[in-house]
C-alpha cells in the first residue's frame, strides 16, 4: 500500500477507530449468522454468479436487503455494451496506445461485452468452461501465483519528484530506479509490438466524478480484460468511450513474459510489477494473477487521494 507521508497521522487515528468499528460489525454479522441458521426459511434464492443460497427476506435480513438480488431486475452485465473492435494499420493511433510506443497490433479489442469476452476466452483457449450449478463459468490457471507477489512489486523512485517526497518508502513500498524502469518499459512495448492483437480496457477507479481516475489497461488476453471489466467502473455509453481522452494512468500487462536479467536489474525474481507515478504507467511481467491489475491501482488511489485532501477507503 502506498501512503502519502502527510496524512499518516490521520490514518493511524482512523485505523484505531476502524478497529473498534470492525469489531462491532463482526459481532453484528456473527449474531445475524446465528439468527439465520436457527430460523426456518420458507424459500431460498440462488445468488446469480455464485454458488451461495440467500434465504428469502424476513426480519433477519431486512438490514441487508440492498444485497438481495431481484430476479426481475435486468443485469447490468447484460446491458453493458460499449464494445469496439478497431482494425487496420492505424488501429493503435485510433485507440491512443501509439503514445505508449505500441504501434504494431492491427486489431484492438476495446471494452468488449461480457459475452464477447466469454467467446474470445474460449476461442483463444485461455482456460476451461466449468459447468457450474449457476451457469457456465470460465476458469483460468494463474500458475504459481494464486495471489499477489508483494516482494516483486516496486515503485520508481524519481529523485526530487513529489512521489519521492510523499511515498512512505519501506520494505513494502520498495524502490527501483528510473533506468531499470526504462528497460522494463521498453521490454513491454517491444513485446506488444510483436503482436497483431491486443485487448484495451478504458474505465474508472473511484465512484466520485470529482476524484475518480481514468485508467487504461493493455492486455494480451481476453480473460484479463474480463477481470478489470469486473473490478473497475465501466463507461456507460459509446460516446463516453470516444471522449475518454488521455488516461490518468496506464497498465501494460505482459504476464506471459519474464524478466530474464532480474538479478542484474536488482529485482527480486523474474516476476516484476513496477509502477512509475510520474510517468503514469506501470508494467507487469511474469505473473498471471489478475489481482495485480486491481491492487496496483487501488494502491495508487491511497497516494493520490490524500494529496488532494480526500481520505481513501
C-alpha atoms as a PDB file:
ATOM      1  CA  UNK A   1       0.000   0.000   0.000  1.00  0.00           C
ATOM      2  CA  UNK A   2       1.285   3.438  -0.928  1.00  0.00           C
ATOM      3  CA  UNK A   3       0.592   6.134   1.620  1.00  0.00           C
ATOM      4  CA  UNK A   4       1.496   9.808   1.352  1.00  0.00           C
ATOM      5  CA  UNK A   5       3.567  10.985   4.320  1.00  0.00           C
ATOM      6  CA  UNK A   6       1.401  13.969   5.310  1.00  0.00           C
ATOM      7  CA  UNK A   7      -1.806  12.088   6.196  1.00  0.00           C
ATOM      8  CA  UNK A   8      -0.186   9.165   8.014  1.00  0.00           C
ATOM      9  CA  UNK A   9      -1.085  10.509  11.483  1.00  0.00           C
ATOM     10  CA  UNK A  10      -4.683  10.852  10.358  1.00  0.00           C
ATOM     11  CA  UNK A  11      -4.613   7.296   9.030  1.00  0.00           C
ATOM     12  CA  UNK A  12      -3.240   5.913  12.307  1.00  0.00           C
ATOM     13  CA  UNK A  13      -6.072   7.612  14.205  1.00  0.00           C
ATOM     14  CA  UNK A  14      -8.646   6.335  11.734  1.00  0.00           C
ATOM     15  CA  UNK A  15      -7.180   2.844  11.922  1.00  0.00           C
ATOM     16  CA  UNK A  16      -7.684   2.766  15.677  1.00  0.00           C
ATOM     17  CA  UNK A  17     -11.269   3.909  15.246  1.00  0.00           C
ATOM     18  CA  UNK A  18     -11.747   1.465  12.389  1.00  0.00           C
ATOM     19  CA  UNK A  19     -10.649  -1.422  14.568  1.00  0.00           C
ATOM     20  CA  UNK A  20     -13.419  -0.708  17.056  1.00  0.00           C
ATOM     21  CA  UNK A  21     -15.964  -0.325  14.254  1.00  0.00           C
ATOM     22  CA  UNK A  22     -14.812  -3.567  12.628  1.00  0.00           C
ATOM     23  CA  UNK A  23     -15.280  -5.417  15.917  1.00  0.00           C
ATOM     24  CA  UNK A  24     -18.839  -4.156  16.187  1.00  0.00           C
ATOM     25  CA  UNK A  25     -19.512  -5.100  12.554  1.00  0.00           C
ATOM     26  CA  UNK A  26     -18.066  -8.569  13.082  1.00  0.00           C
ATOM     27  CA  UNK A  27     -20.237  -9.049  16.176  1.00  0.00           C
ATOM     28  CA  UNK A  28     -23.323  -7.898  14.289  1.00  0.00           C
ATOM     29  CA  UNK A  29     -22.589 -10.244  11.387  1.00  0.00           C
ATOM     30  CA  UNK A  30     -21.956 -13.146  13.746  1.00  0.00           C
ATOM     31  CA  UNK A  31     -25.262 -12.547  15.525  1.00  0.00           C
ATOM     32  CA  UNK A  32     -27.012 -12.326  12.160  1.00  0.00           C
ATOM     33  CA  UNK A  33     -25.499 -15.632  11.034  1.00  0.00           C
ATOM     34  CA  UNK A  34     -26.691 -17.328  14.227  1.00  0.00           C
ATOM     35  CA  UNK A  35     -30.162 -15.906  13.731  1.00  0.00           C
ATOM     36  CA  UNK A  36     -30.325 -17.022  10.109  1.00  0.00           C
ATOM     37  CA  UNK A  37     -29.083 -20.551  10.731  1.00  0.00           C
ATOM     38  CA  UNK A  38     -31.546 -21.055  13.581  1.00  0.00           C
ATOM     39  CA  UNK A  39     -34.574 -19.901  11.594  1.00  0.00           C
ATOM     40  CA  UNK A  40     -36.778 -21.929   9.268  1.00  0.00           C
ATOM     41  CA  UNK A  41     -36.942 -20.295   5.846  1.00  0.00           C
ATOM     42  CA  UNK A  42     -39.991 -20.566   3.625  1.00  0.00           C
ATOM     43  CA  UNK A  43     -37.970 -20.356   0.382  1.00  0.00           C
ATOM     44  CA  UNK A  44     -34.423 -19.815  -0.836  1.00  0.00           C
ATOM     45  CA  UNK A  45     -32.902 -17.906  -3.732  1.00  0.00           C
ATOM     46  CA  UNK A  46     -29.743 -18.685  -5.644  1.00  0.00           C
ATOM     47  CA  UNK A  47     -27.471 -15.645  -5.898  1.00  0.00           C
ATOM     48  CA  UNK A  48     -26.623 -15.221  -9.600  1.00  0.00           C
ATOM     49  CA  UNK A  49     -22.970 -15.657 -10.331  1.00  0.00           C
ATOM     50  CA  UNK A  50     -22.276 -17.571  -7.098  1.00  0.00           C
ATOM     51  CA  UNK A  51     -22.956 -20.957  -5.543  1.00  0.00           C
ATOM     52  CA  UNK A  52     -24.474 -19.355  -2.435  1.00  0.00           C
ATOM     53  CA  UNK A  53     -28.095 -19.640  -1.416  1.00  0.00           C
ATOM     54  CA  UNK A  54     -29.634 -16.479   0.015  1.00  0.00           C
ATOM     55  CA  UNK A  55     -32.670 -17.050   2.258  1.00  0.00           C
ATOM     56  CA  UNK A  56     -35.926 -15.321   1.450  1.00  0.00           C
ATOM     57  CA  UNK A  57     -36.368 -11.905   3.019  1.00  0.00           C
ATOM     58  CA  UNK A  58     -37.511 -11.903   6.652  1.00  0.00           C
ATOM     59  CA  UNK A  59     -36.788  -9.776   9.680  1.00  0.00           C
ATOM     60  CA  UNK A  60     -33.253 -11.184   9.885  1.00  0.00           C
ATOM     61  CA  UNK A  61     -32.075  -9.885   6.531  1.00  0.00           C
ATOM     62  CA  UNK A  62     -34.070  -6.655   6.159  1.00  0.00           C
ATOM     63  CA  UNK A  63     -30.906  -4.803   7.226  1.00  0.00           C
ATOM     64  CA  UNK A  64     -29.077  -6.333   4.269  1.00  0.00           C
ATOM     65  CA  UNK A  65     -31.931  -6.040   1.771  1.00  0.00           C
ATOM     66  CA  UNK A  66     -29.814  -3.967  -0.654  1.00  0.00           C
ATOM     67  CA  UNK A  67     -27.705  -7.080  -1.258  1.00  0.00           C
ATOM     68  CA  UNK A  68     -30.661  -9.340  -2.076  1.00  0.00           C
ATOM     69  CA  UNK A  69     -30.766  -9.984  -5.856  1.00  0.00           C
ATOM     70  CA  UNK A  70     -34.090  -9.379  -7.534  1.00  0.00           C
ATOM     71  CA  UNK A  71     -34.899 -11.851 -10.273  1.00  0.00           C
ATOM     72  CA  UNK A  72     -36.893  -9.355 -12.330  1.00  0.00           C
ATOM     73  CA  UNK A  73     -34.150  -6.721 -12.408  1.00  0.00           C
ATOM     74  CA  UNK A  74     -32.125  -6.502 -15.646  1.00  0.00           C
ATOM     75  CA  UNK A  75     -28.469  -7.389 -15.218  1.00  0.00           C
ATOM     76  CA  UNK A  76     -26.000  -4.530 -15.546  1.00  0.00           C
ATOM     77  CA  UNK A  77     -23.645  -7.064 -17.093  1.00  0.00           C
ATOM     78  CA  UNK A  78     -26.144  -7.794 -19.866  1.00  0.00           C
ATOM     79  CA  UNK A  79     -26.749  -4.101 -20.523  1.00  0.00           C
ATOM     80  CA  UNK A  80     -23.036  -3.204 -20.693  1.00  0.00           C
ATOM     81  CA  UNK A  81     -22.170  -2.638 -24.355  1.00  0.00           C
ATOM     82  CA  UNK A  82     -19.655  -0.013 -25.441  1.00  0.00           C
ATOM     83  CA  UNK A  83     -17.606  -2.561 -27.365  1.00  0.00           C
ATOM     84  CA  UNK A  84     -15.479  -1.572 -30.333  1.00  0.00           C
ATOM     85  CA  UNK A  85     -13.059  -3.620 -32.418  1.00  0.00           C
ATOM     86  CA  UNK A  86     -10.631  -1.345 -34.216  1.00  0.00           C
ATOM     87  CA  UNK A  87      -8.794  -2.798 -37.203  1.00  0.00           C
ATOM     88  CA  UNK A  88      -6.194  -1.526 -39.611  1.00  0.00           C
ATOM     89  CA  UNK A  89      -2.613  -0.348 -39.614  1.00  0.00           C
ATOM     90  CA  UNK A  90      -3.734   2.781 -37.759  1.00  0.00           C
ATOM     91  CA  UNK A  91      -5.613   0.915 -35.017  1.00  0.00           C
ATOM     92  CA  UNK A  92      -3.123   1.909 -32.302  1.00  0.00           C
ATOM     93  CA  UNK A  93      -3.337   5.524 -33.383  1.00  0.00           C
ATOM     94  CA  UNK A  94      -7.138   5.497 -33.291  1.00  0.00           C
ATOM     95  CA  UNK A  95      -7.305   3.977 -29.819  1.00  0.00           C
ATOM     96  CA  UNK A  96      -4.418   6.060 -28.471  1.00  0.00           C
ATOM     97  CA  UNK A  97      -1.900   3.406 -27.430  1.00  0.00           C
ATOM     98  CA  UNK A  98       0.553   4.648 -30.042  1.00  0.00           C
ATOM     99  CA  UNK A  99       1.530   7.263 -27.438  1.00  0.00           C
ATOM    100  CA  UNK A 100       2.909   4.386 -25.371  1.00  0.00           C
ATOM    101  CA  UNK A 101       5.100   3.288 -28.262  1.00  0.00           C
ATOM    102  CA  UNK A 102       2.786   0.388 -29.150  1.00  0.00           C
ATOM    103  CA  UNK A 103       2.194   0.655 -32.895  1.00  0.00           C
ATOM    104  CA  UNK A 104       2.216  -2.838 -34.424  1.00  0.00           C
ATOM    105  CA  UNK A 105      -1.114  -4.503 -33.467  1.00  0.00           C
ATOM    106  CA  UNK A 106      -3.666  -4.132 -36.247  1.00  0.00           C
ATOM    107  CA  UNK A 107      -6.667  -5.416 -34.274  1.00  0.00           C
ATOM    108  CA  UNK A 108      -7.554  -3.899 -30.914  1.00  0.00           C
ATOM    109  CA  UNK A 109     -10.450  -5.224 -28.850  1.00  0.00           C
ATOM    110  CA  UNK A 110     -11.642  -2.308 -26.745  1.00  0.00           C
ATOM    111  CA  UNK A 111     -14.076  -2.687 -23.849  1.00  0.00           C
ATOM    112  CA  UNK A 112     -15.696  -5.874 -25.130  1.00  0.00           C
ATOM    113  CA  UNK A 113     -19.047  -7.008 -23.738  1.00  0.00           C
ATOM    114  CA  UNK A 114     -19.093  -9.859 -21.225  1.00  0.00           C
ATOM    115  CA  UNK A 115     -20.485 -12.232 -23.837  1.00  0.00           C
ATOM    116  CA  UNK A 116     -17.791 -11.245 -26.345  1.00  0.00           C
ATOM    117  CA  UNK A 117     -15.100 -11.750 -23.721  1.00  0.00           C
ATOM    118  CA  UNK A 118     -16.513 -15.189 -22.910  1.00  0.00           C
ATOM    119  CA  UNK A 119     -16.385 -16.118 -26.581  1.00  0.00           C
ATOM    120  CA  UNK A 120     -12.832 -14.790 -27.002  1.00  0.00           C
ATOM    121  CA  UNK A 121     -11.662 -16.698 -23.923  1.00  0.00           C
ATOM    122  CA  UNK A 122     -12.908 -19.934 -25.443  1.00  0.00           C
ATOM    123  CA  UNK A 123     -11.608 -19.310 -28.961  1.00  0.00           C
ATOM    124  CA  UNK A 124      -8.198 -18.331 -27.559  1.00  0.00           C
ATOM    125  CA  UNK A 125      -8.219 -21.434 -25.330  1.00  0.00           C
ATOM    126  CA  UNK A 126      -7.257 -19.309 -22.334  1.00  0.00           C
ATOM    127  CA  UNK A 127      -8.821 -21.701 -19.841  1.00  0.00           C
ATOM    128  CA  UNK A 128     -11.792 -24.001 -19.429  1.00  0.00           C
ATOM    129  CA  UNK A 129     -15.527 -23.621 -19.063  1.00  0.00           C
ATOM    130  CA  UNK A 130     -16.858 -25.066 -15.817  1.00  0.00           C
ATOM    131  CA  UNK A 131     -20.439 -26.274 -15.908  1.00  0.00           C
ATOM    132  CA  UNK A 132     -21.347 -24.823 -12.531  1.00  0.00           C
ATOM    133  CA  UNK A 133     -24.806 -25.112 -10.989  1.00  0.00           C
ATOM    134  CA  UNK A 134     -25.379 -21.381 -11.580  1.00  0.00           C
ATOM    135  CA  UNK A 135     -24.309 -21.436 -15.230  1.00  0.00           C
ATOM    136  CA  UNK A 136     -21.244 -21.803 -17.410  1.00  0.00           C
ATOM    137  CA  UNK A 137     -18.244 -20.132 -15.801  1.00  0.00           C
ATOM    138  CA  UNK A 138     -14.855 -19.536 -17.394  1.00  0.00           C
ATOM    139  CA  UNK A 139     -11.920 -20.695 -15.296  1.00  0.00           C
ATOM    140  CA  UNK A 140      -8.236 -19.937 -15.736  1.00  0.00           C
ATOM    141  CA  UNK A 141      -4.983 -21.169 -14.223  1.00  0.00           C
ATOM    142  CA  UNK A 142      -2.841 -18.396 -12.712  1.00  0.00           C
ATOM    143  CA  UNK A 143       0.207 -20.653 -12.488  1.00  0.00           C
ATOM    144  CA  UNK A 144       2.461 -20.467  -9.463  1.00  0.00           C
ATOM    145  CA  UNK A 145       0.805 -17.271  -8.233  1.00  0.00           C
ATOM    146  CA  UNK A 146      -2.576 -17.740  -6.577  1.00  0.00           C
ATOM    147  CA  UNK A 147      -2.260 -14.300  -5.004  1.00  0.00           C
ATOM    148  CA  UNK A 148      -0.209 -11.158  -5.340  1.00  0.00           C
ATOM    149  CA  UNK A 149       3.582 -11.257  -5.148  1.00  0.00           C
ATOM    150  CA  UNK A 150       4.439  -8.283  -2.873  1.00  0.00           C
ATOM    151  CA  UNK A 151       8.199  -8.887  -2.965  1.00  0.00           C
ATOM    152  CA  UNK A 152       8.118  -8.396  -6.731  1.00  0.00           C
ATOM    153  CA  UNK A 153       6.290  -5.063  -6.612  1.00  0.00           C
ATOM    154  CA  UNK A 154       8.290  -1.846  -6.974  1.00  0.00           C
ATOM    155  CA  UNK A 155       7.768   1.887  -7.263  1.00  0.00           C
ATOM    156  CA  UNK A 156      10.108   4.032  -9.301  1.00  0.00           C
ATOM    157  CA  UNK A 157      11.990   6.488  -7.107  1.00  0.00           C
ATOM    158  CA  UNK A 158      12.203   9.612  -9.221  1.00  0.00           C
ATOM    159  CA  UNK A 159      14.614  11.682  -7.130  1.00  0.00           C
ATOM    160  CA  UNK A 160      13.318  15.180  -6.405  1.00  0.00           C
ATOM    161  CA  UNK A 161       9.760  14.392  -7.532  1.00  0.00           C
ATOM    162  CA  UNK A 162       6.568  14.703  -5.495  1.00  0.00           C
ATOM    163  CA  UNK A 163       6.357  10.934  -5.059  1.00  0.00           C
ATOM    164  CA  UNK A 164       9.971  10.844  -3.877  1.00  0.00           C
ATOM    165  CA  UNK A 165       8.972  13.124  -1.010  1.00  0.00           C
ATOM    166  CA  UNK A 166       5.500  11.772  -0.279  1.00  0.00           C
ATOM    167  CA  UNK A 167       5.733   7.982  -0.599  1.00  0.00           C
ATOM    168  CA  UNK A 168       6.430   6.125   2.630  1.00  0.00           C
ATOM    169  CA  UNK A 169       9.457   4.208   1.337  1.00  0.00           C
ATOM    170  CA  UNK A 170       9.957   0.930   3.184  1.00  0.00           C
ATOM    171  CA  UNK A 171      10.146  -2.823   2.588  1.00  0.00           C
ATOM    172  CA  UNK A 172       6.555  -2.735   1.321  1.00  0.00           C
ATOM    173  CA  UNK A 173       6.894   0.322  -0.918  1.00  0.00           C
ATOM    174  CA  UNK A 174      10.129  -0.908  -2.492  1.00  0.00           C
ATOM    175  CA  UNK A 175      12.018   1.411  -4.793  1.00  0.00           C
ATOM    176  CA  UNK A 176      13.714   0.880  -8.109  1.00  0.00           C
ATOM    177  CA  UNK A 177      15.454   3.351 -10.412  1.00  0.00           C
ATOM    178  CA  UNK A 178      14.155   5.165 -13.495  1.00  0.00           C
ATOM    179  CA  UNK A 179      16.867   3.408 -15.500  1.00  0.00           C
ATOM    180  CA  UNK A 180      15.588  -0.033 -14.516  1.00  0.00           C
ATOM    181  CA  UNK A 181      12.039   1.015 -15.288  1.00  0.00           C
ATOM    182  CA  UNK A 182      13.012   2.300 -18.719  1.00  0.00           C
ATOM    183  CA  UNK A 183      14.441  -1.119 -19.605  1.00  0.00           C
ATOM    184  CA  UNK A 184      11.316  -2.894 -18.379  1.00  0.00           C
ATOM    185  CA  UNK A 185       9.004  -0.456 -20.125  1.00  0.00           C
ATOM    186  CA  UNK A 186      10.874  -0.881 -23.398  1.00  0.00           C
ATOM    187  CA  UNK A 187      10.654  -4.658 -22.986  1.00  0.00           C
ATOM    188  CA  UNK A 188       6.870  -4.426 -22.520  1.00  0.00           C
ATOM    189  CA  UNK A 189       6.386  -2.188 -25.546  1.00  0.00           C
ATOM    190  CA  UNK A 190       8.634  -4.373 -27.691  1.00  0.00           C
ATOM    191  CA  UNK A 191       6.603  -7.429 -26.721  1.00  0.00           C
ATOM    192  CA  UNK A 192       3.297  -5.860 -27.760  1.00  0.00           C
ATOM    193  CA  UNK A 193       4.902  -4.734 -30.999  1.00  0.00           C
ATOM    194  CA  UNK A 194       5.391  -8.403 -31.895  1.00  0.00           C
ATOM    195  CA  UNK A 195       1.647  -8.976 -31.609  1.00  0.00           C
ATOM    196  CA  UNK A 196      -1.126  -8.497 -34.133  1.00  0.00           C
ATOM    197  CA  UNK A 197      -3.838  -8.129 -31.479  1.00  0.00           C
ATOM    198  CA  UNK A 198      -4.298  -6.613 -28.036  1.00  0.00           C
ATOM    199  CA  UNK A 199      -7.105  -6.002 -25.563  1.00  0.00           C
ATOM    200  CA  UNK A 200      -7.629  -2.453 -24.311  1.00  0.00           C
ATOM    201  CA  UNK A 201      -9.921  -1.501 -21.439  1.00  0.00           C
ATOM    202  CA  UNK A 202     -10.714   2.087 -20.509  1.00  0.00           C
ATOM    203  CA  UNK A 203     -12.522   2.661 -17.237  1.00  0.00           C
ATOM    204  CA  UNK A 204     -12.525   4.488 -13.927  1.00  0.00           C
ATOM    205  CA  UNK A 205     -11.272   3.967 -10.408  1.00  0.00           C
ATOM    206  CA  UNK A 206     -13.331   5.856  -7.844  1.00  0.00           C
ATOM    207  CA  UNK A 207     -17.069   6.453  -7.790  1.00  0.00           C
ATOM    208  CA  UNK A 208     -16.950  10.241  -7.392  1.00  0.00           C
ATOM    209  CA  UNK A 209     -16.525  12.101 -10.703  1.00  0.00           C
ATOM    210  CA  UNK A 210     -14.618  14.789  -8.803  1.00  0.00           C
ATOM    211  CA  UNK A 211     -11.823  12.456  -7.715  1.00  0.00           C
ATOM    212  CA  UNK A 212     -12.003   9.365  -9.891  1.00  0.00           C
ATOM    213  CA  UNK A 213      -9.132   8.458 -12.185  1.00  0.00           C
ATOM    214  CA  UNK A 214      -9.263   7.378 -15.813  1.00  0.00           C
ATOM    215  CA  UNK A 215      -7.413   4.068 -16.073  1.00  0.00           C
ATOM    216  CA  UNK A 216      -6.310   2.197 -19.192  1.00  0.00           C
ATOM    217  CA  UNK A 217      -5.213  -1.440 -19.321  1.00  0.00           C
ATOM    218  CA  UNK A 218      -3.403  -3.045 -22.231  1.00  0.00           C
ATOM    219  CA  UNK A 219      -3.638  -6.834 -22.063  1.00  0.00           C
ATOM    220  CA  UNK A 220      -2.598  -9.871 -24.027  1.00  0.00           C
ATOM    221  CA  UNK A 221      -5.660 -11.978 -23.264  1.00  0.00           C
ATOM    222  CA  UNK A 222      -9.414 -11.674 -23.072  1.00  0.00           C
ATOM    223  CA  UNK A 223      -9.738 -13.011 -19.529  1.00  0.00           C
ATOM    224  CA  UNK A 224      -7.537 -10.204 -18.222  1.00  0.00           C
ATOM    225  CA  UNK A 225      -9.864  -7.627 -19.761  1.00  0.00           C
ATOM    226  CA  UNK A 226     -12.754  -9.630 -18.286  1.00  0.00           C
ATOM    227  CA  UNK A 227     -11.168  -9.269 -14.844  1.00  0.00           C
ATOM    228  CA  UNK A 228     -10.703  -5.484 -14.966  1.00  0.00           C
ATOM    229  CA  UNK A 229     -14.134  -5.061 -16.539  1.00  0.00           C
ATOM    230  CA  UNK A 230     -15.496  -6.636 -13.365  1.00  0.00           C
ATOM    231  CA  UNK A 231     -13.261  -4.712 -10.985  1.00  0.00           C
ATOM    232  CA  UNK A 232     -13.407  -1.137 -12.292  1.00  0.00           C
ATOM    233  CA  UNK A 233     -16.197   1.290 -13.129  1.00  0.00           C
ATOM    234  CA  UNK A 234     -17.240   0.792 -16.731  1.00  0.00           C
ATOM    235  CA  UNK A 235     -18.092   3.576 -19.191  1.00  0.00           C
ATOM    236  CA  UNK A 236     -21.827   3.614 -19.841  1.00  0.00           C
ATOM    237  CA  UNK A 237     -22.057   4.908 -23.408  1.00  0.00           C
ATOM    238  CA  UNK A 238     -20.128   4.691 -26.665  1.00  0.00           C
ATOM    239  CA  UNK A 239     -19.769   8.465 -26.579  1.00  0.00           C
ATOM    240  CA  UNK A 240     -18.043   8.182 -23.216  1.00  0.00           C
ATOM    241  CA  UNK A 241     -15.506   5.810 -24.765  1.00  0.00           C
ATOM    242  CA  UNK A 242     -14.941   8.056 -27.762  1.00  0.00           C
ATOM    243  CA  UNK A 243     -14.381  11.064 -25.487  1.00  0.00           C
ATOM    244  CA  UNK A 244     -12.281   9.151 -22.943  1.00  0.00           C
ATOM    245  CA  UNK A 245      -9.162  11.099 -23.919  1.00  0.00           C
ATOM    246  CA  UNK A 246      -5.791  10.616 -22.284  1.00  0.00           C
ATOM    247  CA  UNK A 247      -5.891   8.278 -19.276  1.00  0.00           C
ATOM    248  CA  UNK A 248      -4.562   9.302 -15.883  1.00  0.00           C
ATOM    249  CA  UNK A 249      -2.682   6.023 -15.650  1.00  0.00           C
ATOM    250  CA  UNK A 250      -1.931   3.074 -17.940  1.00  0.00           C
ATOM    251  CA  UNK A 251      -1.009  -0.507 -17.042  1.00  0.00           C
ATOM    252  CA  UNK A 252       0.764  -2.634 -19.666  1.00  0.00           C
ATOM    253  CA  UNK A 253       0.395  -6.265 -18.650  1.00  0.00           C
ATOM    254  CA  UNK A 254       2.927  -8.681 -20.188  1.00  0.00           C
ATOM    255  CA  UNK A 255       2.171 -11.608 -17.908  1.00  0.00           C
ATOM    256  CA  UNK A 256       3.414 -14.159 -20.435  1.00  0.00           C
ATOM    257  CA  UNK A 257       6.892 -12.637 -20.368  1.00  0.00           C
ATOM    258  CA  UNK A 258       9.521 -12.870 -17.637  1.00  0.00           C
ATOM    259  CA  UNK A 259      12.480 -10.652 -16.775  1.00  0.00           C
ATOM    260  CA  UNK A 260      15.489 -12.824 -17.547  1.00  0.00           C
ATOM    261  CA  UNK A 261      18.073 -10.315 -16.275  1.00  0.00           C
ATOM    262  CA  UNK A 262      16.273  -9.635 -12.999  1.00  0.00           C
ATOM    263  CA  UNK A 263      19.391 -10.102 -10.870  1.00  0.00           C
ATOM    264  CA  UNK A 264      21.316  -7.570 -12.916  1.00  0.00           C
ATOM    265  CA  UNK A 265      18.417  -5.130 -12.532  1.00  0.00           C
ATOM    266  CA  UNK A 266      18.277  -5.599  -8.756  1.00  0.00           C
ATOM    267  CA  UNK A 267      14.811  -7.170  -8.721  1.00  0.00           C
ATOM    268  CA  UNK A 268      13.516  -9.965  -6.522  1.00  0.00           C
ATOM    269  CA  UNK A 269      12.822 -12.530  -9.261  1.00  0.00           C
ATOM    270  CA  UNK A 270      11.921 -12.824 -12.937  1.00  0.00           C
ATOM    271  CA  UNK A 271       8.472 -11.524 -11.954  1.00  0.00           C
ATOM    272  CA  UNK A 272       8.101  -7.739 -11.835  1.00  0.00           C
ATOM    273  CA  UNK A 273       5.203  -5.404 -11.076  1.00  0.00           C
ATOM    274  CA  UNK A 274       6.570  -1.875 -11.383  1.00  0.00           C
ATOM    275  CA  UNK A 275       4.699   1.441 -11.132  1.00  0.00           C
ATOM    276  CA  UNK A 276       6.087   4.801 -12.216  1.00  0.00           C
ATOM    277  CA  UNK A 277       3.911   7.510 -10.675  1.00  0.00           C
ATOM    278  CA  UNK A 278       5.453  10.419 -12.551  1.00  0.00           C
ATOM    279  CA  UNK A 279       5.332   8.638 -15.909  1.00  0.00           C
ATOM    280  CA  UNK A 280       1.763   7.487 -15.165  1.00  0.00           C
ATOM    281  CA  UNK A 281       2.487   3.982 -16.407  1.00  0.00           C
ATOM    282  CA  UNK A 282       3.114   0.527 -14.985  1.00  0.00           C
ATOM    283  CA  UNK A 283       4.370  -2.771 -16.368  1.00  0.00           C
ATOM    284  CA  UNK A 284       3.638  -6.318 -15.220  1.00  0.00           C
ATOM    285  CA  UNK A 285       5.785  -9.357 -16.030  1.00  0.00           C
ATOM    286  CA  UNK A 286       5.766 -12.998 -15.057  1.00  0.00           C
ATOM    287  CA  UNK A 287       2.550 -13.292 -13.044  1.00  0.00           C
ATOM    288  CA  UNK A 288      -0.802 -14.442 -14.359  1.00  0.00           C
ATOM    289  CA  UNK A 289      -2.596 -13.356 -11.200  1.00  0.00           C
ATOM    290  CA  UNK A 290      -5.288 -10.850 -12.169  1.00  0.00           C
ATOM    291  CA  UNK A 291      -5.288  -9.116  -8.801  1.00  0.00           C
ATOM    292  CA  UNK A 292      -2.034  -7.332  -9.627  1.00  0.00           C
ATOM    293  CA  UNK A 293      -4.035  -5.120 -12.015  1.00  0.00           C
ATOM    294  CA  UNK A 294      -6.580  -4.166  -9.384  1.00  0.00           C
ATOM    295  CA  UNK A 295      -4.408  -3.789  -6.306  1.00  0.00           C
ATOM    296  CA  UNK A 296      -1.815  -1.685  -8.078  1.00  0.00           C
ATOM    297  CA  UNK A 297      -4.382   0.960  -8.995  1.00  0.00           C
ATOM    298  CA  UNK A 298      -6.077   0.805  -5.597  1.00  0.00           C
ATOM    299  CA  UNK A 299      -2.675   1.407  -4.001  1.00  0.00           C
ATOM    300  CA  UNK A 300      -2.172   4.468  -6.185  1.00  0.00           C
ATOM    301  CA  UNK A 301      -5.521   5.833  -5.016  1.00  0.00           C
ATOM    302  CA  UNK A 302      -4.119   5.670  -1.470  1.00  0.00           C
ATOM    303  CA  UNK A 303      -1.393   8.009  -2.715  1.00  0.00           C
ATOM    304  CA  UNK A 304      -3.411  10.349  -4.930  1.00  0.00           C
ATOM    305  CA  UNK A 305      -6.485  10.967  -2.760  1.00  0.00           C
ATOM    306  CA  UNK A 306      -4.792  12.160   0.456  1.00  0.00           C
ATOM    307  CA  UNK A 307      -2.666  14.585  -1.554  1.00  0.00           C
ATOM    308  CA  UNK A 308      -5.906  16.045  -2.915  1.00  0.00           C
ATOM    309  CA  UNK A 309      -7.404  16.285   0.583  1.00  0.00           C
ATOM    310  CA  UNK A 310      -9.599  13.200   0.233  1.00  0.00           C
ATOM    311  CA  UNK A 311      -9.490  10.285   2.650  1.00  0.00           C
ATOM    312  CA  UNK A 312      -9.343   6.929   0.817  1.00  0.00           C
ATOM    313  CA  UNK A 313     -11.114   3.773   1.893  1.00  0.00           C
END
